[in-house]
Amino acid sequence: MLMDYKKHSIFKQLEDYASYCGSLSNSIMSFVTLGTQAVINLDTYLYSSIRGTLESIKTILENGRINDAYALLRKYHEVVVINAYVMVFLEEDLNVENYFENRINNWLQGKESLPEYRIMMQVIRKYKPLKAINELLYITDEYKELRDRCNNNLHYNFFENVLLNDNEIYNVKRISVLNVLSQDLKAIFILHFIYTFSLAGHYMGSSDHLEYLEMGQTPPDDSQYWVAPFIKETFDSIIKPNRPDLAEELLKSTFMHLE
């Protein structure tokens, strides 16, 4: 049982997701976050923070603390919602008269907190450009059930949640719970991928177009729409096989050469 636990695929999964977030954080650094006074792209810091959370989940799971890992999984879910909320808020706020007087800029400067999770989700789900994506994402109760599992572990709603944090007792459910945790992790990753590139398709861009310009050469036609290899690989290996409906919708809505 111990050997099965240590060899579980979730550990490689977490490494891959963390690496992806690190690559994305670096690749978008040059984009300005409109509507704020941030010097470096706000999402750069969010993706870097998410990478840290994923690495923390891996460390905690290596120590056999599944209950604590679920508490961090809830944090991962919430920062994904925060990321989408910030993007939606700033997109809707671009035409206001007092450009920098908004909740997100105040949040960055420590003057105001963000609204609670429920309010942020309402804003995201009411945002018309995300209508088709949201209908597919929430066609089942997958994300509600995922959040319930996170809350059950965070608040010790059942005694079995207590046992999942004890790495010294034999627990016949340990591997099955790890399997569910792996699926929940994947669901959040897919949510983040779809929201990110539905709201900011240009974040997919490869560095080729800019590199041609920096070398004083004329970039190939449409090179501004080329997709970074790590994003294309992630789309093909994770999004398409697991959520072909979301993959199809993203392809329909993006101007980037994702296929």
C-alpha atoms as a PDB file:
ATOM      1  CA  MET A   1       0.000   0.000   0.000  1.00  0.00           C
ATOM      2  CA  LEU A   2       2.807   2.443   0.903  1.00  0.00           C
ATOM      3  CA  MET A   3       4.609   1.713  -2.378  1.00  0.00           C
ATOM      4  CA  ASP A   4       1.367   2.234  -4.350  1.00  0.00           C
ATOM      5  CA  TYR A   5       0.927   5.579  -2.616  1.00  0.00           C
ATOM      6  CA  LYS A   6       4.442   6.834  -3.339  1.00  0.00           C
ATOM      7  CA  LYS A   7       4.191   5.805  -7.000  1.00  0.00           C
ATOM      8  CA  HIS A   8       0.781   7.384  -7.541  1.00  0.00           C
ATOM      9  CA  SER A   9       0.480   9.422 -10.754  1.00  0.00           C
ATOM     10  CA  ILE A  10      -0.671  12.511  -8.824  1.00  0.00           C
ATOM     11  CA  PHE A  11       2.919  13.389  -7.963  1.00  0.00           C
ATOM     12  CA  LYS A  12       3.951  13.633 -11.633  1.00  0.00           C
ATOM     13  CA  GLN A  13       0.665  15.419 -12.321  1.00  0.00           C
ATOM     14  CA  LEU A  14       1.490  18.092  -9.755  1.00  0.00           C
ATOM     15  CA  GLU A  15       5.001  18.516 -11.164  1.00  0.00           C
ATOM     16  CA  ASP A  16       3.608  18.994 -14.667  1.00  0.00           C
ATOM     17  CA  TYR A  17       0.955  21.492 -13.563  1.00  0.00           C
ATOM     18  CA  ALA A  18       3.476  23.491 -11.539  1.00  0.00           C
ATOM     19  CA  SER A  19       5.894  23.574 -14.473  1.00  0.00           C
ATOM     20  CA  TYR A  20       3.111  24.770 -16.783  1.00  0.00           C
ATOM     21  CA  CYS A  21       2.191  27.616 -14.391  1.00  0.00           C
ATOM     22  CA  GLY A  22       5.831  28.648 -14.162  1.00  0.00           C
ATOM     23  CA  SER A  23       6.185  28.719 -17.944  1.00  0.00           C
ATOM     24  CA  LEU A  24       2.965  30.711 -18.345  1.00  0.00           C
ATOM     25  CA  SER A  25       4.025  33.167 -15.644  1.00  0.00           C
ATOM     26  CA  ASN A  26       7.256  33.896 -17.494  1.00  0.00           C
ATOM     27  CA  SER A  27       5.760  34.043 -20.989  1.00  0.00           C
ATOM     28  CA  ILE A  28       3.166  36.750 -20.215  1.00  0.00           C
ATOM     29  CA  MET A  29       5.341  39.035 -18.118  1.00  0.00           C
ATOM     30  CA  SER A  30       5.624  41.708 -20.827  1.00  0.00           C
ATOM     31  CA  PHE A  31       1.856  42.228 -21.166  1.00  0.00           C
ATOM     32  CA  VAL A  32       0.507  45.275 -19.344  1.00  0.00           C
ATOM     33  CA  THR A  33      -2.457  44.720 -17.002  1.00  0.00           C
ATOM     34  CA  LEU A  34      -4.783  47.447 -18.245  1.00  0.00           C
ATOM     35  CA  GLY A  35      -6.833  49.243 -15.606  1.00  0.00           C
ATOM     36  CA  THR A  36      -4.157  48.981 -12.913  1.00  0.00           C
ATOM     37  CA  GLN A  37      -0.900  50.666 -12.015  1.00  0.00           C
ATOM     38  CA  ALA A  38       0.942  47.343 -11.814  1.00  0.00           C
ATOM     39  CA  VAL A  39       4.440  47.551 -13.334  1.00  0.00           C
ATOM     40  CA  ILE A  40       4.604  43.828 -14.129  1.00  0.00           C
ATOM     41  CA  ASN A  41       1.642  41.843 -15.400  1.00  0.00           C
ATOM     42  CA  LEU A  42      -0.613  40.998 -12.458  1.00  0.00           C
ATOM     43  CA  ASP A  43      -1.278  37.494 -13.769  1.00  0.00           C
ATOM     44  CA  THR A  44       2.454  36.780 -13.782  1.00  0.00           C
ATOM     45  CA  TYR A  45       2.379  36.938  -9.988  1.00  0.00           C
ATOM     46  CA  LEU A  46      -0.856  34.949  -9.729  1.00  0.00           C
ATOM     47  CA  TYR A  47       0.488  32.091 -11.867  1.00  0.00           C
ATOM     48  CA  SER A  48       3.743  32.085  -9.939  1.00  0.00           C
ATOM     49  CA  SER A  49       1.785  31.888  -6.685  1.00  0.00           C
ATOM     50  CA  ILE A  50      -0.304  29.015  -8.049  1.00  0.00           C
ATOM     51  CA  ARG A  51       2.891  27.201  -8.938  1.00  0.00           C
ATOM     52  CA  GLY A  52       3.956  27.519  -5.309  1.00  0.00           C
ATOM     53  CA  THR A  53       0.619  26.150  -4.092  1.00  0.00           C
ATOM     54  CA  LEU A  54       0.890  23.121  -6.393  1.00  0.00           C
ATOM     55  CA  GLU A  55       4.420  22.469  -5.152  1.00  0.00           C
ATOM     56  CA  SER A  56       3.154  22.729  -1.566  1.00  0.00           C
ATOM     57  CA  ILE A  57       0.376  20.220  -2.267  1.00  0.00           C
ATOM     58  CA  LYS A  58       2.986  17.786  -3.626  1.00  0.00           C
ATOM     59  CA  THR A  59       5.188  18.187  -0.534  1.00  0.00           C
ATOM     60  CA  ILE A  60       2.240  17.697   1.812  1.00  0.00           C
ATOM     61  CA  LEU A  61       1.059  14.598  -0.049  1.00  0.00           C
ATOM     62  CA  GLU A  62       4.578  13.157   0.057  1.00  0.00           C
ATOM     63  CA  ASN A  63       4.223  13.385   3.848  1.00  0.00           C
ATOM     64  CA  GLY A  64       0.894  11.542   3.691  1.00  0.00           C
ATOM     65  CA  ARG A  65      -1.278  14.478   4.798  1.00  0.00           C
ATOM     66  CA  ILE A  66      -4.176  14.146   2.364  1.00  0.00           C
ATOM     67  CA  ASN A  67      -6.524  16.229   4.497  1.00  0.00           C
ATOM     68  CA  ASP A  68      -4.126  19.195   4.482  1.00  0.00           C
ATOM     69  CA  ALA A  69      -3.661  18.771   0.734  1.00  0.00           C
ATOM     70  CA  TYR A  70      -7.396  19.201   0.238  1.00  0.00           C
ATOM     71  CA  ALA A  71      -7.288  22.437   2.223  1.00  0.00           C
ATOM     72  CA  LEU A  72      -4.675  23.738  -0.224  1.00  0.00           C
ATOM     73  CA  LEU A  73      -6.717  22.429  -3.143  1.00  0.00           C
ATOM     74  CA  ARG A  74      -9.493  24.751  -2.042  1.00  0.00           C
ATOM     75  CA  LYS A  75      -6.968  27.599  -2.074  1.00  0.00           C
ATOM     76  CA  TYR A  76      -5.954  26.587  -5.618  1.00  0.00           C
ATOM     77  CA  HIS A  77      -9.602  26.644  -6.710  1.00  0.00           C
ATOM     78  CA  GLU A  78     -10.167  30.054  -5.150  1.00  0.00           C
ATOM     79  CA  VAL A  79      -7.123  31.692  -6.741  1.00  0.00           C
ATOM     80  CA  VAL A  80      -8.306  30.398 -10.129  1.00  0.00           C
ATOM     81  CA  VAL A  81     -11.657  32.098  -9.462  1.00  0.00           C
ATOM     82  CA  ILE A  82      -9.838  35.254  -8.345  1.00  0.00           C
ATOM     83  CA  ASN A  83      -7.807  35.236 -11.557  1.00  0.00           C
ATOM     84  CA  ALA A  84     -10.933  34.952 -13.722  1.00  0.00           C
ATOM     85  CA  TYR A  85     -12.790  37.553 -11.648  1.00  0.00           C
ATOM     86  CA  VAL A  86      -9.956  40.077 -11.975  1.00  0.00           C
ATOM     87  CA  MET A  87      -9.840  39.579 -15.748  1.00  0.00           C
ATOM     88  CA  VAL A  88     -13.614  40.006 -16.078  1.00  0.00           C
ATOM     89  CA  PHE A  89     -13.708  43.024 -13.752  1.00  0.00           C
ATOM     90  CA  LEU A  90     -10.926  44.861 -15.585  1.00  0.00           C
ATOM     91  CA  GLU A  91     -12.389  44.058 -18.992  1.00  0.00           C
ATOM     92  CA  GLU A  92     -15.718  45.573 -17.972  1.00  0.00           C
ATOM     93  CA  ASP A  93     -14.012  48.510 -16.250  1.00  0.00           C
ATOM     94  CA  LEU A  94     -11.882  49.704 -19.162  1.00  0.00           C
ATOM     95  CA  ASN A  95     -14.219  52.488 -20.225  1.00  0.00           C
ATOM     96  CA  VAL A  96     -14.947  54.059 -16.859  1.00  0.00           C
ATOM     97  CA  GLU A  97     -14.111  57.726 -16.375  1.00  0.00           C
ATOM     98  CA  ASN A  98     -11.793  57.288 -13.381  1.00  0.00           C
ATOM     99  CA  TYR A  99      -9.606  54.648 -14.984  1.00  0.00           C
ATOM    100  CA  PHE A 100      -7.456  53.668 -12.007  1.00  0.00           C
ATOM    101  CA  GLU A 101     -10.112  54.092  -9.324  1.00  0.00           C
ATOM    102  CA  ASN A 102     -11.318  50.504  -9.236  1.00  0.00           C
ATOM    103  CA  ARG A 103     -11.485  47.635  -6.809  1.00  0.00           C
ATOM    104  CA  ILE A 104      -8.630  45.684  -8.422  1.00  0.00           C
ATOM    105  CA  ASN A 105      -6.189  48.574  -8.287  1.00  0.00           C
ATOM    106  CA  ASN A 106      -7.175  49.174  -4.658  1.00  0.00           C
ATOM    107  CA  TRP A 107      -6.629  45.464  -3.953  1.00  0.00           C
ATOM    108  CA  LEU A 108      -3.140  45.671  -5.461  1.00  0.00           C
ATOM    109  CA  GLN A 109      -2.346  48.640  -3.220  1.00  0.00           C
ATOM    110  CA  GLY A 110      -3.758  47.020  -0.079  1.00  0.00           C
ATOM    111  CA  LYS A 111      -6.657  49.464   0.214  1.00  0.00           C
ATOM    112  CA  GLU A 112      -9.542  47.073  -0.409  1.00  0.00           C
ATOM    113  CA  SER A 113     -10.194  43.341  -0.309  1.00  0.00           C
ATOM    114  CA  LEU A 114     -11.814  41.302  -3.037  1.00  0.00           C
ATOM    115  CA  PRO A 115     -15.426  40.148  -2.614  1.00  0.00           C
ATOM    116  CA  GLU A 116     -16.205  36.694  -1.251  1.00  0.00           C
ATOM    117  CA  TYR A 117     -16.065  33.623  -3.468  1.00  0.00           C
ATOM    118  CA  ARG A 118     -19.831  33.511  -4.079  1.00  0.00           C
ATOM    119  CA  ILE A 119     -19.919  37.087  -5.383  1.00  0.00           C
ATOM    120  CA  MET A 120     -16.915  36.575  -7.636  1.00  0.00           C
ATOM    121  CA  MET A 121     -18.525  33.480  -9.145  1.00  0.00           C
ATOM    122  CA  GLN A 122     -21.730  35.409  -9.820  1.00  0.00           C
ATOM    123  CA  VAL A 123     -19.760  38.035 -11.747  1.00  0.00           C
ATOM    124  CA  ILE A 124     -17.916  35.398 -13.778  1.00  0.00           C
ATOM    125  CA  ARG A 125     -21.035  33.411 -14.605  1.00  0.00           C
ATOM    126  CA  LYS A 126     -22.975  36.515 -15.675  1.00  0.00           C
ATOM    127  CA  TYR A 127     -20.225  37.713 -18.021  1.00  0.00           C
ATOM    128  CA  LYS A 128     -21.749  37.360 -21.498  1.00  0.00           C
ATOM    129  CA  PRO A 129     -18.552  36.485 -23.443  1.00  0.00           C
ATOM    130  CA  LEU A 130     -18.189  33.420 -21.156  1.00  0.00           C
ATOM    131  CA  LYS A 131     -21.802  32.265 -21.566  1.00  0.00           C
ATOM    132  CA  ALA A 132     -21.066  29.229 -23.769  1.00  0.00           C
ATOM    133  CA  ILE A 133     -18.022  28.210 -21.714  1.00  0.00           C
ATOM    134  CA  ASN A 134     -19.907  28.508 -18.418  1.00  0.00           C
ATOM    135  CA  GLU A 135     -22.819  26.445 -19.717  1.00  0.00           C
ATOM    136  CA  LEU A 136     -20.387  23.618 -20.480  1.00  0.00           C
ATOM    137  CA  LEU A 137     -18.378  23.981 -17.276  1.00  0.00           C
ATOM    138  CA  TYR A 138     -21.414  23.840 -15.019  1.00  0.00           C
ATOM    139  CA  ILE A 139     -23.589  21.398 -16.941  1.00  0.00           C
ATOM    140  CA  THR A 140     -23.049  19.013 -14.013  1.00  0.00           C
ATOM    141  CA  ASP A 141     -22.386  19.555 -10.299  1.00  0.00           C
ATOM    142  CA  GLU A 142     -18.720  18.592 -10.663  1.00  0.00           C
ATOM    143  CA  TYR A 143     -17.324  21.837  -9.268  1.00  0.00           C
ATOM    144  CA  LYS A 144     -19.905  22.067  -6.487  1.00  0.00           C
ATOM    145  CA  GLU A 145     -19.048  18.530  -5.372  1.00  0.00           C
ATOM    146  CA  LEU A 146     -15.340  19.328  -5.610  1.00  0.00           C
ATOM    147  CA  ARG A 147     -15.770  22.367  -3.391  1.00  0.00           C
ATOM    148  CA  ASP A 148     -17.834  20.322  -0.939  1.00  0.00           C
ATOM    149  CA  ARG A 149     -14.950  17.837  -0.629  1.00  0.00           C
ATOM    150  CA  CYS A 150     -12.522  20.692  -0.020  1.00  0.00           C
ATOM    151  CA  ASN A 151     -14.782  22.175   2.655  1.00  0.00           C
ATOM    152  CA  ASN A 152     -15.365  18.820   4.308  1.00  0.00           C
ATOM    153  CA  ASN A 153     -11.629  18.387   4.726  1.00  0.00           C
ATOM    154  CA  LEU A 154     -10.951  21.995   5.716  1.00  0.00           C
ATOM    155  CA  HIS A 155     -13.626  21.998   8.422  1.00  0.00           C
ATOM    156  CA  TYR A 156     -13.367  18.332   9.505  1.00  0.00           C
ATOM    157  CA  ASN A 157     -17.039  17.862   8.682  1.00  0.00           C
ATOM    158  CA  PHE A 158     -16.648  14.084   9.004  1.00  0.00           C
ATOM    159  CA  PHE A 159     -14.362  12.005  11.189  1.00  0.00           C
ATOM    160  CA  GLU A 160     -12.890  10.302   8.118  1.00  0.00           C
ATOM    161  CA  ASN A 161     -11.418  13.690   7.171  1.00  0.00           C
ATOM    162  CA  VAL A 162      -9.471  13.640  10.430  1.00  0.00           C
ATOM    163  CA  LEU A 163      -8.056  10.204   9.643  1.00  0.00           C
ATOM    164  CA  LEU A 164      -6.815  11.330   6.236  1.00  0.00           C
ATOM    165  CA  ASN A 165      -4.241  13.537   7.959  1.00  0.00           C
ATOM    166  CA  ASP A 166      -2.724  10.719  10.035  1.00  0.00           C
ATOM    167  CA  ASN A 167       0.124   9.126   8.082  1.00  0.00           C
ATOM    168  CA  GLU A 168       0.876   6.564  10.782  1.00  0.00           C
ATOM    169  CA  ILE A 169      -2.344   4.555  10.635  1.00  0.00           C
ATOM    170  CA  TYR A 170      -3.442   2.078   7.989  1.00  0.00           C
ATOM    171  CA  ASN A 171      -6.274   3.593   5.979  1.00  0.00           C
ATOM    172  CA  VAL A 172      -7.828   1.383   3.331  1.00  0.00           C
ATOM    173  CA  LYS A 173      -9.352   4.459   1.622  1.00  0.00           C
ATOM    174  CA  ARG A 174      -6.062   6.298   1.169  1.00  0.00           C
ATOM    175  CA  ILE A 175      -5.461   5.350  -2.504  1.00  0.00           C
ATOM    176  CA  SER A 176      -9.089   5.801  -3.543  1.00  0.00           C
ATOM    177  CA  VAL A 177      -9.151   9.267  -1.965  1.00  0.00           C
ATOM    178  CA  LEU A 178      -5.908  10.087  -3.755  1.00  0.00           C
ATOM    179  CA  ASN A 179      -7.567   9.059  -7.035  1.00  0.00           C
ATOM    180  CA  VAL A 180     -10.435  11.459  -6.387  1.00  0.00           C
ATOM    181  CA  LEU A 181      -8.013  14.223  -5.398  1.00  0.00           C
ATOM    182  CA  SER A 182      -6.192  13.702  -8.686  1.00  0.00           C
ATOM    183  CA  GLN A 183      -9.450  14.126 -10.619  1.00  0.00           C
ATOM    184  CA  ASP A 184     -10.328  17.245  -8.629  1.00  0.00           C
ATOM    185  CA  LEU A 185      -6.894  18.679  -9.334  1.00  0.00           C
ATOM    186  CA  LYS A 186      -7.368  18.062 -13.055  1.00  0.00           C
ATOM    187  CA  ALA A 187     -10.823  19.679 -13.004  1.00  0.00           C
ATOM    188  CA  ILE A 188      -9.418  22.874 -11.474  1.00  0.00           C
ATOM    189  CA  PHE A 189      -6.516  22.913 -13.931  1.00  0.00           C
ATOM    190  CA  ILE A 190      -8.937  22.609 -16.866  1.00  0.00           C
ATOM    191  CA  LEU A 191     -11.121  25.354 -15.390  1.00  0.00           C
ATOM    192  CA  HIS A 192      -8.133  27.647 -15.174  1.00  0.00           C
ATOM    193  CA  PHE A 193      -6.873  26.873 -18.667  1.00  0.00           C
ATOM    194  CA  ILE A 194     -10.275  27.501 -20.247  1.00  0.00           C
ATOM    195  CA  TYR A 195     -10.993  30.710 -18.329  1.00  0.00           C
ATOM    196  CA  THR A 196      -7.503  32.097 -18.957  1.00  0.00           C
ATOM    197  CA  PHE A 197      -7.490  31.673 -22.714  1.00  0.00           C
ATOM    198  CA  SER A 198     -11.166  32.482 -23.195  1.00  0.00           C
ATOM    199  CA  LEU A 199     -10.540  35.833 -21.499  1.00  0.00           C
ATOM    200  CA  ALA A 200      -6.976  36.478 -22.702  1.00  0.00           C
ATOM    201  CA  GLY A 201      -6.358  34.573 -25.922  1.00  0.00           C
ATOM    202  CA  HIS A 202      -3.181  36.543 -26.602  1.00  0.00           C
ATOM    203  CA  TYR A 203      -1.597  34.863 -23.571  1.00  0.00           C
ATOM    204  CA  MET A 204      -1.212  31.753 -25.757  1.00  0.00           C
ATOM    205  CA  GLY A 205       1.232  33.547 -28.039  1.00  0.00           C
ATOM    206  CA  SER A 206       4.642  32.117 -28.795  1.00  0.00           C
ATOM    207  CA  SER A 207       7.770  34.265 -28.621  1.00  0.00           C
ATOM    208  CA  ASP A 208       8.567  33.830 -32.335  1.00  0.00           C
ATOM    209  CA  HIS A 209       6.910  37.029 -33.575  1.00  0.00           C
ATOM    210  CA  LEU A 210       8.769  39.223 -31.071  1.00  0.00           C
ATOM    211  CA  GLU A 211      12.065  37.431 -31.690  1.00  0.00           C
ATOM    212  CA  TYR A 212      11.872  38.155 -35.417  1.00  0.00           C
ATOM    213  CA  LEU A 213      11.298  41.839 -34.655  1.00  0.00           C
ATOM    214  CA  GLU A 214      14.141  41.967 -32.141  1.00  0.00           C
ATOM    215  CA  MET A 215      16.498  40.564 -34.798  1.00  0.00           C
ATOM    216  CA  GLY A 216      15.344  43.213 -37.271  1.00  0.00           C
ATOM    217  CA  GLN A 217      13.634  40.662 -39.483  1.00  0.00           C
ATOM    218  CA  THR A 218      10.111  40.670 -40.892  1.00  0.00           C
ATOM    219  CA  PRO A 219       7.993  38.136 -38.992  1.00  0.00           C
ATOM    220  CA  PRO A 220       6.188  35.469 -41.028  1.00  0.00           C
ATOM    221  CA  ASP A 221       2.539  36.149 -41.849  1.00  0.00           C
ATOM    222  CA  ASP A 222       0.200  35.418 -38.930  1.00  0.00           C
ATOM    223  CA  SER A 223       3.127  34.677 -36.594  1.00  0.00           C
ATOM    224  CA  GLN A 224       1.442  36.895 -33.986  1.00  0.00           C
ATOM    225  CA  TYR A 225      -1.195  34.180 -33.755  1.00  0.00           C
ATOM    226  CA  TRP A 226       1.208  31.262 -33.246  1.00  0.00           C
ATOM    227  CA  VAL A 227       0.772  29.394 -29.974  1.00  0.00           C
ATOM    228  CA  ALA A 228       3.561  28.651 -27.492  1.00  0.00           C
ATOM    229  CA  PRO A 229       4.536  24.954 -27.709  1.00  0.00           C
ATOM    230  CA  PHE A 230       3.941  24.237 -23.998  1.00  0.00           C
ATOM    231  CA  ILE A 231       0.383  25.590 -24.273  1.00  0.00           C
ATOM    232  CA  LYS A 232      -0.349  23.605 -27.429  1.00  0.00           C
ATOM    233  CA  GLU A 233       1.007  20.451 -25.773  1.00  0.00           C
ATOM    234  CA  THR A 234      -1.145  21.047 -22.690  1.00  0.00           C
ATOM    235  CA  PHE A 235      -4.227  21.634 -24.822  1.00  0.00           C
ATOM    236  CA  ASP A 236      -3.642  18.424 -26.784  1.00  0.00           C
ATOM    237  CA  SER A 237      -2.713  16.191 -23.842  1.00  0.00           C
ATOM    238  CA  ILE A 238      -5.081  17.425 -21.104  1.00  0.00           C
ATOM    239  CA  ILE A 239      -7.931  19.598 -22.384  1.00  0.00           C
ATOM    240  CA  LYS A 240      -8.926  17.754 -25.571  1.00  0.00           C
ATOM    241  CA  PRO A 241      -8.939  14.197 -24.131  1.00  0.00           C
ATOM    242  CA  ASN A 242     -10.733  15.133 -20.894  1.00  0.00           C
ATOM    243  CA  ARG A 243     -13.082  17.921 -22.012  1.00  0.00           C
ATOM    244  CA  PRO A 244     -13.466  17.815 -25.804  1.00  0.00           C
ATOM    245  CA  ASP A 245     -16.579  19.990 -25.490  1.00  0.00           C
ATOM    246  CA  LEU A 246     -14.597  22.801 -23.863  1.00  0.00           C
ATOM    247  CA  ALA A 247     -11.737  22.315 -26.331  1.00  0.00           C
ATOM    248  CA  GLU A 248     -14.129  22.706 -29.246  1.00  0.00           C
ATOM    249  CA  GLU A 249     -15.700  25.831 -27.773  1.00  0.00           C
ATOM    250  CA  LEU A 250     -12.301  27.422 -27.160  1.00  0.00           C
ATOM    251  CA  LEU A 251     -11.240  26.676 -30.729  1.00  0.00           C
ATOM    252  CA  LYS A 252     -14.404  28.333 -32.011  1.00  0.00           C
ATOM    253  CA  SER A 253     -13.863  31.502 -29.993  1.00  0.00           C
ATOM    254  CA  THR A 254     -10.106  32.072 -30.246  1.00  0.00           C
ATOM    255  CA  PHE A 255      -8.192  33.891 -32.984  1.00  0.00           C
ATOM    256  CA  MET A 256      -4.997  32.013 -32.054  1.00  0.00           C
ATOM    257  CA  HIS A 257      -3.707  29.049 -34.082  1.00  0.00           C
ATOM    258  CA  LEU A 258      -4.388  26.453 -31.407  1.00  0.00           C
ATOM    259  CA  GLU A 259      -4.976  23.684 -33.955  1.00  0.00           C
END
